[in-house]
């Protein structure tokens, strides 16, 4: 399994909650916005040496990755649902933003079930405080591990 754990961000500082993505074309404006933000950091991670077209619109690259990933699509979707439900069970006061699909660069090369988890909004002052709490981070990790164990039993 490949699980990428992130802190979400939005221009609107009241945006809140958690969401889980698996690889596919983004289907909503919200998913496309998150995808663009996440993918935009690749230039920084790789020293600005990447060809931005490779992850921001090169249809051929996306299609080839999509074909390779297709065998794992159903399993990735199931894993995303298990993680989302587990986090929702652990954090009943937080907003579940649901399971979504997007073409995240980090998921494209994973030839295994893979998901990206946005655990909370760092741009929301209340959720930023939660993210600073070791208890919150440990509870988030436990919820993800519980989902992995449930997924493995299937």
N, C-alpha and C. Protein backbone atom coordinates (compact mmCIF):
# COMPACT_ATOMS: atom_id res chain seq x y z
N UNK A 1 0.84 -1.18 0.00
CA UNK A 1 0.00 0.00 0.00
C UNK A 1 0.88 1.24 0.00
N UNK A 2 0.37 2.30 -0.61
CA UNK A 2 1.03 3.59 -0.57
C UNK A 2 0.03 4.59 -0.02
N UNK A 3 0.39 5.22 1.11
CA UNK A 3 -0.49 6.19 1.75
C UNK A 3 0.32 7.47 1.96
N UNK A 4 -0.13 8.54 1.36
CA UNK A 4 0.53 9.84 1.47
C UNK A 4 -0.34 10.71 2.38
N UNK A 5 0.23 11.19 3.48
CA UNK A 5 -0.54 11.95 4.47
C UNK A 5 -0.14 13.42 4.39
N UNK A 6 -1.15 14.28 4.28
CA UNK A 6 -0.92 15.71 4.06
C UNK A 6 -1.77 16.56 4.99
N UNK A 7 -1.41 17.83 5.09
CA UNK A 7 -2.24 18.87 5.69
C UNK A 7 -2.82 19.66 4.53
N UNK A 8 -4.11 19.86 4.54
CA UNK A 8 -4.80 20.59 3.49
C UNK A 8 -4.62 22.09 3.73
N UNK A 9 -4.94 22.89 2.73
CA UNK A 9 -4.90 24.36 2.84
C UNK A 9 -5.91 24.94 1.87
N UNK A 10 -6.43 26.09 2.23
CA UNK A 10 -7.40 26.78 1.38
C UNK A 10 -7.28 28.28 1.60
N UNK A 11 -7.66 29.05 0.60
CA UNK A 11 -7.68 30.50 0.73
C UNK A 11 -8.67 30.90 1.82
N UNK A 12 -9.80 30.22 1.86
CA UNK A 12 -10.83 30.46 2.88
C UNK A 12 -10.38 29.81 4.18
N UNK A 13 -10.03 30.61 5.17
CA UNK A 13 -9.50 30.06 6.43
C UNK A 13 -10.54 29.31 7.26
N UNK A 14 -11.81 29.34 6.85
CA UNK A 14 -12.82 28.57 7.59
C UNK A 14 -13.01 27.17 7.01
N UNK A 15 -12.34 26.87 5.88
CA UNK A 15 -12.41 25.51 5.32
C UNK A 15 -11.88 24.54 6.35
N UNK A 16 -12.59 23.41 6.53
CA UNK A 16 -12.19 22.47 7.56
C UNK A 16 -12.50 21.04 7.14
N UNK A 17 -11.99 20.12 7.93
CA UNK A 17 -12.31 18.72 7.73
C UNK A 17 -11.18 17.90 7.12
N UNK A 18 -11.52 16.67 6.83
CA UNK A 18 -10.56 15.71 6.30
C UNK A 18 -11.17 15.05 5.07
N UNK A 19 -10.30 14.61 4.16
CA UNK A 19 -10.76 13.94 2.95
C UNK A 19 -9.68 12.99 2.48
N UNK A 20 -10.11 12.00 1.72
CA UNK A 20 -9.19 10.99 1.23
C UNK A 20 -9.38 10.87 -0.28
N UNK A 21 -8.27 10.85 -1.01
CA UNK A 21 -8.28 10.80 -2.47
C UNK A 21 -7.65 9.51 -2.98
N UNK A 22 -8.13 9.05 -4.12
CA UNK A 22 -7.42 8.02 -4.87
C UNK A 22 -7.25 8.52 -6.29
N UNK A 23 -6.35 7.90 -7.05
CA UNK A 23 -5.95 8.42 -8.36
C UNK A 23 -7.04 8.25 -9.40
N UNK A 24 -7.39 9.36 -9.99
CA UNK A 24 -8.30 9.41 -11.13
C UNK A 24 -8.40 10.87 -11.53
N UNK A 25 -9.08 11.15 -12.59
CA UNK A 25 -9.31 12.55 -12.97
C UNK A 25 -10.17 13.21 -11.90
N UNK A 26 -9.80 14.42 -11.51
CA UNK A 26 -10.59 15.18 -10.54
C UNK A 26 -11.97 15.45 -11.12
N UNK A 27 -13.00 15.22 -10.33
CA UNK A 27 -14.37 15.35 -10.81
C UNK A 27 -15.08 16.62 -10.36
N UNK A 28 -14.50 17.33 -9.40
CA UNK A 28 -15.13 18.55 -8.90
C UNK A 28 -14.12 19.69 -8.91
N UNK A 29 -14.62 20.91 -8.89
CA UNK A 29 -13.73 22.07 -8.82
C UNK A 29 -12.87 22.03 -7.57
N UNK A 30 -13.47 21.61 -6.45
CA UNK A 30 -12.74 21.51 -5.20
C UNK A 30 -11.59 20.51 -5.32
N UNK A 31 -11.86 19.34 -5.90
CA UNK A 31 -10.82 18.33 -6.07
C UNK A 31 -9.72 18.83 -7.01
N UNK A 32 -10.11 19.53 -8.07
CA UNK A 32 -9.12 20.08 -9.00
C UNK A 32 -8.24 21.12 -8.31
N UNK A 33 -8.82 21.93 -7.43
CA UNK A 33 -8.04 22.94 -6.71
C UNK A 33 -7.02 22.29 -5.79
N UNK A 34 -7.44 21.25 -5.07
CA UNK A 34 -6.51 20.54 -4.17
C UNK A 34 -5.42 19.88 -5.00
N UNK A 35 -5.80 19.27 -6.11
CA UNK A 35 -4.84 18.60 -6.99
C UNK A 35 -3.79 19.60 -7.49
N UNK A 36 -4.23 20.77 -7.96
CA UNK A 36 -3.29 21.77 -8.46
C UNK A 36 -2.34 22.24 -7.37
N UNK A 37 -2.86 22.47 -6.17
CA UNK A 37 -2.03 22.93 -5.06
C UNK A 37 -1.00 21.87 -4.69
N UNK A 38 -1.44 20.63 -4.53
CA UNK A 38 -0.52 19.55 -4.17
C UNK A 38 0.53 19.34 -5.25
N UNK A 39 0.12 19.31 -6.51
CA UNK A 39 1.06 19.05 -7.60
C UNK A 39 2.03 20.20 -7.82
N UNK A 40 1.65 21.41 -7.44
CA UNK A 40 2.52 22.57 -7.67
C UNK A 40 3.80 22.52 -6.85
N UNK A 41 3.82 21.77 -5.77
CA UNK A 41 5.02 21.71 -4.93
C UNK A 41 6.09 20.79 -5.49
N UNK A 42 5.79 20.03 -6.51
CA UNK A 42 6.76 19.09 -7.08
C UNK A 42 8.01 19.83 -7.56
N UNK A 43 7.85 21.00 -8.16
CA UNK A 43 9.01 21.78 -8.60
C UNK A 43 9.93 22.09 -7.43
N UNK A 44 9.37 22.38 -6.26
CA UNK A 44 10.19 22.68 -5.09
C UNK A 44 10.86 21.42 -4.56
N UNK A 45 10.11 20.32 -4.51
CA UNK A 45 10.64 19.07 -3.98
C UNK A 45 11.80 18.54 -4.83
N UNK A 46 11.74 18.80 -6.11
CA UNK A 46 12.76 18.26 -7.00
C UNK A 46 13.68 19.36 -7.52
N UNK A 47 13.80 20.43 -6.77
CA UNK A 47 14.74 21.49 -7.09
C UNK A 47 14.40 22.29 -8.33
N UNK A 48 13.14 22.31 -8.72
CA UNK A 48 12.74 23.10 -9.88
C UNK A 48 13.16 22.50 -11.20
N UNK A 49 13.59 21.23 -11.17
CA UNK A 49 14.10 20.61 -12.39
C UNK A 49 13.05 19.83 -13.15
N UNK A 50 11.85 19.71 -12.62
CA UNK A 50 10.83 18.92 -13.31
C UNK A 50 10.19 19.74 -14.40
N UNK A 51 9.70 19.05 -15.39
CA UNK A 51 8.95 19.69 -16.45
C UNK A 51 7.52 19.81 -15.95
N UNK A 52 7.07 21.03 -15.69
CA UNK A 52 5.75 21.22 -15.09
C UNK A 52 4.65 20.64 -15.95
N UNK A 53 4.86 20.51 -17.26
CA UNK A 53 3.83 19.91 -18.11
C UNK A 53 3.63 18.44 -17.76
N UNK A 54 4.67 17.81 -17.20
CA UNK A 54 4.58 16.40 -16.88
C UNK A 54 3.47 16.12 -15.88
N UNK A 55 3.18 17.07 -15.01
CA UNK A 55 2.16 16.81 -14.01
C UNK A 55 1.03 17.81 -14.04
N UNK A 56 1.08 18.81 -14.91
CA UNK A 56 0.02 19.81 -14.94
C UNK A 56 -0.68 19.85 -16.29
N UNK A 57 -0.85 18.74 -16.92
CA UNK A 57 -1.63 18.79 -18.12
C UNK A 57 -1.16 17.88 -19.24
N UNK A 58 -0.06 17.20 -19.07
CA UNK A 58 0.39 16.28 -20.10
C UNK A 58 -0.55 15.08 -20.10
N UNK A 59 -1.47 15.09 -21.02
CA UNK A 59 -2.51 14.08 -21.07
C UNK A 59 -1.92 12.69 -21.26
N UNK A 60 -0.89 12.57 -22.08
CA UNK A 60 -0.29 11.26 -22.32
C UNK A 60 0.30 10.68 -21.04
N UNK A 61 1.01 11.50 -20.28
CA UNK A 61 1.57 11.02 -19.01
C UNK A 61 0.48 10.55 -18.06
N UNK A 62 -0.59 11.34 -17.98
CA UNK A 62 -1.68 10.97 -17.10
C UNK A 62 -2.33 9.67 -17.57
N UNK A 63 -2.57 9.53 -18.87
CA UNK A 63 -3.22 8.33 -19.39
C UNK A 63 -2.38 7.09 -19.16
N UNK A 64 -1.08 7.19 -19.38
CA UNK A 64 -0.21 6.03 -19.14
C UNK A 64 -0.21 5.63 -17.67
N UNK A 65 -0.15 6.62 -16.80
CA UNK A 65 -0.21 6.33 -15.37
C UNK A 65 -1.57 5.75 -15.00
N UNK A 66 -2.60 6.28 -15.61
CA UNK A 66 -3.95 5.81 -15.34
C UNK A 66 -4.13 4.35 -15.76
N UNK A 67 -3.58 3.99 -16.91
CA UNK A 67 -3.67 2.60 -17.37
C UNK A 67 -2.92 1.68 -16.41
N UNK A 68 -1.71 2.10 -16.01
CA UNK A 68 -0.93 1.29 -15.07
C UNK A 68 -1.64 1.16 -13.73
N UNK A 69 -2.29 2.22 -13.31
CA UNK A 69 -2.96 2.25 -12.01
C UNK A 69 -4.33 1.58 -12.04
N UNK A 70 -4.89 1.40 -13.22
CA UNK A 70 -6.27 0.91 -13.36
C UNK A 70 -6.52 -0.40 -12.63
N UNK A 71 -5.55 -1.28 -12.63
CA UNK A 71 -5.72 -2.56 -11.96
C UNK A 71 -5.93 -2.38 -10.46
N UNK A 72 -5.41 -1.29 -9.92
CA UNK A 72 -5.52 -1.04 -8.49
C UNK A 72 -6.63 -0.05 -8.14
N UNK A 73 -7.38 0.41 -9.12
CA UNK A 73 -8.36 1.45 -8.90
C UNK A 73 -9.42 1.04 -7.87
N UNK A 74 -10.00 -0.12 -8.04
CA UNK A 74 -11.04 -0.56 -7.11
C UNK A 74 -10.48 -0.74 -5.70
N UNK A 75 -9.29 -1.30 -5.60
CA UNK A 75 -8.68 -1.50 -4.28
C UNK A 75 -8.29 -0.16 -3.65
N UNK A 76 -7.84 0.78 -4.47
CA UNK A 76 -7.52 2.11 -3.95
C UNK A 76 -8.77 2.80 -3.44
N UNK A 77 -9.85 2.65 -4.19
CA UNK A 77 -11.13 3.23 -3.78
C UNK A 77 -11.59 2.63 -2.45
N UNK A 78 -11.49 1.32 -2.32
CA UNK A 78 -11.88 0.65 -1.07
C UNK A 78 -11.01 1.09 0.10
N UNK A 79 -9.71 1.23 -0.14
CA UNK A 79 -8.80 1.69 0.90
C UNK A 79 -9.16 3.12 1.32
N UNK A 80 -9.46 3.97 0.34
CA UNK A 80 -9.84 5.36 0.64
C UNK A 80 -11.10 5.41 1.50
N UNK A 81 -12.08 4.59 1.17
CA UNK A 81 -13.33 4.55 1.95
C UNK A 81 -13.04 4.08 3.37
N UNK A 82 -12.22 3.04 3.51
CA UNK A 82 -11.90 2.52 4.84
C UNK A 82 -11.20 3.58 5.69
N UNK A 83 -10.26 4.31 5.09
CA UNK A 83 -9.55 5.36 5.84
C UNK A 83 -10.50 6.49 6.21
N UNK A 84 -11.31 6.92 5.26
CA UNK A 84 -12.24 8.02 5.52
C UNK A 84 -13.20 7.66 6.65
N UNK A 85 -13.74 6.45 6.61
CA UNK A 85 -14.68 6.02 7.65
C UNK A 85 -14.00 5.88 9.00
N UNK A 86 -12.78 5.41 9.01
CA UNK A 86 -12.05 5.26 10.27
C UNK A 86 -11.76 6.62 10.91
N UNK A 87 -11.33 7.57 10.10
CA UNK A 87 -11.06 8.92 10.62
C UNK A 87 -12.37 9.54 11.12
N UNK A 88 -13.45 9.35 10.36
CA UNK A 88 -14.75 9.90 10.77
C UNK A 88 -15.18 9.31 12.11
N UNK A 89 -14.90 8.05 12.33
CA UNK A 89 -15.25 7.42 13.61
C UNK A 89 -14.41 7.92 14.76
N UNK A 90 -13.18 8.33 14.47
CA UNK A 90 -12.28 8.82 15.51
C UNK A 90 -12.48 10.30 15.82
N UNK A 91 -12.92 11.05 14.82
CA UNK A 91 -13.06 12.50 14.97
C UNK A 91 -14.47 12.92 14.59
N UNK A 92 -15.41 12.56 15.42
CA UNK A 92 -16.82 12.83 15.12
C UNK A 92 -17.14 14.32 15.07
N UNK A 93 -16.31 15.14 15.70
CA UNK A 93 -16.55 16.58 15.69
C UNK A 93 -16.00 17.26 14.43
N UNK A 94 -15.18 16.55 13.66
CA UNK A 94 -14.60 17.11 12.43
C UNK A 94 -15.50 16.83 11.24
N UNK A 95 -15.35 17.65 10.21
CA UNK A 95 -16.16 17.50 9.00
C UNK A 95 -15.53 16.50 8.05
N UNK A 96 -16.29 15.48 7.71
CA UNK A 96 -15.85 14.53 6.69
C UNK A 96 -16.17 15.12 5.33
N UNK A 97 -15.14 15.37 4.54
CA UNK A 97 -15.31 15.94 3.21
C UNK A 97 -15.46 14.84 2.16
N UNK A 98 -15.35 13.59 2.60
CA UNK A 98 -15.61 12.46 1.73
C UNK A 98 -14.40 11.92 1.00
N UNK A 99 -14.68 10.88 0.22
CA UNK A 99 -13.67 10.26 -0.64
C UNK A 99 -13.80 10.91 -2.01
N UNK A 100 -12.65 11.29 -2.56
CA UNK A 100 -12.64 12.00 -3.84
C UNK A 100 -11.57 11.42 -4.76
N UNK A 101 -11.63 11.84 -5.99
CA UNK A 101 -10.67 11.39 -7.00
C UNK A 101 -9.91 12.59 -7.53
N UNK A 102 -8.60 12.41 -7.73
CA UNK A 102 -7.78 13.48 -8.30
C UNK A 102 -6.50 12.87 -8.88
N UNK A 103 -5.88 13.60 -9.77
CA UNK A 103 -4.66 13.13 -10.43
C UNK A 103 -3.40 13.61 -9.72
N UNK A 104 -3.24 13.25 -8.47
CA UNK A 104 -2.07 13.68 -7.72
C UNK A 104 -0.80 13.05 -8.27
N UNK A 105 0.19 13.88 -8.45
CA UNK A 105 1.49 13.44 -8.96
C UNK A 105 2.07 12.31 -8.11
N UNK A 106 1.94 12.45 -6.80
CA UNK A 106 2.53 11.50 -5.87
C UNK A 106 1.90 10.10 -5.99
N UNK A 107 0.67 10.02 -6.50
CA UNK A 107 -0.01 8.73 -6.64
C UNK A 107 0.23 8.07 -8.00
N UNK A 108 0.70 8.82 -8.97
CA UNK A 108 0.78 8.33 -10.35
C UNK A 108 1.70 7.14 -10.55
N UNK A 109 2.82 7.10 -9.88
CA UNK A 109 3.76 6.01 -10.11
C UNK A 109 3.57 4.81 -9.20
N UNK A 110 2.62 4.87 -8.32
CA UNK A 110 2.43 3.78 -7.34
C UNK A 110 1.67 2.63 -7.98
N UNK A 111 2.34 1.53 -8.19
CA UNK A 111 1.70 0.36 -8.79
C UNK A 111 1.23 -0.56 -7.68
N UNK A 112 0.31 -0.03 -6.91
CA UNK A 112 -0.27 -0.71 -5.75
C UNK A 112 -1.46 0.12 -5.32
N UNK A 113 -2.33 -0.38 -4.47
CA UNK A 113 -3.40 0.48 -3.95
C UNK A 113 -2.77 1.70 -3.28
N UNK A 114 -3.27 2.89 -3.63
CA UNK A 114 -2.65 4.10 -3.12
C UNK A 114 -3.69 5.19 -2.90
N UNK A 115 -3.45 5.97 -1.84
CA UNK A 115 -4.37 7.06 -1.48
C UNK A 115 -3.56 8.24 -0.96
N UNK A 116 -4.21 9.40 -0.97
CA UNK A 116 -3.66 10.60 -0.38
C UNK A 116 -4.69 11.08 0.64
N UNK A 117 -4.26 11.26 1.88
CA UNK A 117 -5.15 11.66 2.97
C UNK A 117 -4.83 13.11 3.35
N UNK A 118 -5.84 13.95 3.31
CA UNK A 118 -5.74 15.33 3.80
C UNK A 118 -6.37 15.33 5.19
N UNK A 119 -5.54 15.35 6.22
CA UNK A 119 -6.01 15.09 7.58
C UNK A 119 -6.69 16.29 8.25
N UNK A 120 -6.29 17.51 7.89
CA UNK A 120 -6.88 18.72 8.46
C UNK A 120 -6.35 19.92 7.66
N UNK A 121 -6.98 21.07 7.85
CA UNK A 121 -6.58 22.29 7.13
C UNK A 121 -5.61 23.10 7.98
N UNK A 122 -4.38 23.20 7.52
CA UNK A 122 -3.40 24.01 8.23
C UNK A 122 -3.71 25.50 8.10
N UNK A 123 -4.54 25.86 7.13
CA UNK A 123 -4.94 27.25 6.93
C UNK A 123 -6.10 27.67 7.83
N UNK A 124 -6.67 26.71 8.56
CA UNK A 124 -7.75 26.99 9.51
C UNK A 124 -7.11 27.08 10.91
N UNK A 125 -7.22 28.21 11.59
CA UNK A 125 -6.54 28.37 12.89
C UNK A 125 -6.89 27.27 13.92
N UNK A 126 -8.15 26.86 13.96
CA UNK A 126 -8.53 25.80 14.91
C UNK A 126 -7.88 24.47 14.55
N UNK A 127 -7.89 24.14 13.27
CA UNK A 127 -7.29 22.87 12.85
C UNK A 127 -5.77 22.92 12.91
N UNK A 128 -5.19 24.10 12.70
CA UNK A 128 -3.74 24.24 12.87
C UNK A 128 -3.35 23.89 14.30
N UNK A 129 -4.14 24.37 15.26
CA UNK A 129 -3.87 24.04 16.67
C UNK A 129 -3.99 22.53 16.90
N UNK A 130 -5.00 21.92 16.29
CA UNK A 130 -5.15 20.46 16.43
C UNK A 130 -3.91 19.75 15.87
N UNK A 131 -3.43 20.19 14.72
CA UNK A 131 -2.27 19.57 14.09
C UNK A 131 -1.01 19.69 14.95
N UNK A 132 -0.96 20.71 15.79
CA UNK A 132 0.19 20.89 16.69
C UNK A 132 0.14 19.94 17.87
N UNK A 133 -1.01 19.32 18.10
CA UNK A 133 -1.20 18.42 19.23
C UNK A 133 -0.71 17.01 18.91
N UNK A 134 0.17 16.51 19.74
CA UNK A 134 0.66 15.14 19.57
C UNK A 134 -0.50 14.14 19.66
N UNK A 135 -1.44 14.40 20.55
CA UNK A 135 -2.60 13.51 20.70
C UNK A 135 -3.40 13.42 19.39
N UNK A 136 -3.61 14.55 18.74
CA UNK A 136 -4.34 14.55 17.46
C UNK A 136 -3.56 13.78 16.39
N UNK A 137 -2.27 14.01 16.32
CA UNK A 137 -1.46 13.32 15.30
C UNK A 137 -1.43 11.81 15.56
N UNK A 138 -1.31 11.42 16.82
CA UNK A 138 -1.32 9.98 17.14
C UNK A 138 -2.69 9.36 16.86
N UNK A 139 -3.76 10.06 17.22
CA UNK A 139 -5.11 9.54 16.95
C UNK A 139 -5.36 9.44 15.44
N UNK A 140 -4.84 10.38 14.67
CA UNK A 140 -4.97 10.31 13.21
C UNK A 140 -4.23 9.10 12.66
N UNK A 141 -3.01 8.89 13.16
CA UNK A 141 -2.22 7.74 12.73
C UNK A 141 -2.92 6.43 13.10
N UNK A 142 -3.47 6.37 14.31
CA UNK A 142 -4.18 5.17 14.74
C UNK A 142 -5.40 4.89 13.86
N UNK A 143 -6.13 5.93 13.49
CA UNK A 143 -7.30 5.75 12.62
C UNK A 143 -6.88 5.21 11.26
N UNK A 144 -5.77 5.69 10.74
CA UNK A 144 -5.28 5.21 9.45
C UNK A 144 -4.81 3.77 9.57
N UNK A 145 -4.09 3.45 10.64
CA UNK A 145 -3.63 2.06 10.85
C UNK A 145 -4.82 1.12 11.00
N UNK A 146 -5.83 1.53 11.76
CA UNK A 146 -7.02 0.70 11.91
C UNK A 146 -7.67 0.41 10.55
N UNK A 147 -7.71 1.43 9.70
CA UNK A 147 -8.29 1.24 8.37
C UNK A 147 -7.45 0.29 7.53
N UNK A 148 -6.14 0.40 7.64
CA UNK A 148 -5.25 -0.51 6.90
C UNK A 148 -5.47 -1.94 7.34
N UNK A 149 -5.59 -2.16 8.65
CA UNK A 149 -5.81 -3.51 9.17
C UNK A 149 -7.16 -4.06 8.68
N UNK A 150 -8.18 -3.20 8.69
CA UNK A 150 -9.50 -3.61 8.17
C UNK A 150 -9.41 -3.94 6.69
N UNK A 151 -8.72 -3.11 5.95
CA UNK A 151 -8.54 -3.33 4.50
C UNK A 151 -7.80 -4.64 4.24
N UNK A 152 -6.78 -4.92 5.03
CA UNK A 152 -5.98 -6.14 4.86
C UNK A 152 -6.80 -7.39 5.12
N UNK A 153 -7.78 -7.29 6.03
CA UNK A 153 -8.63 -8.44 6.34
C UNK A 153 -9.58 -8.78 5.20
N UNK A 154 -9.88 -7.81 4.36
CA UNK A 154 -10.82 -8.05 3.25
C UNK A 154 -10.15 -8.93 2.26
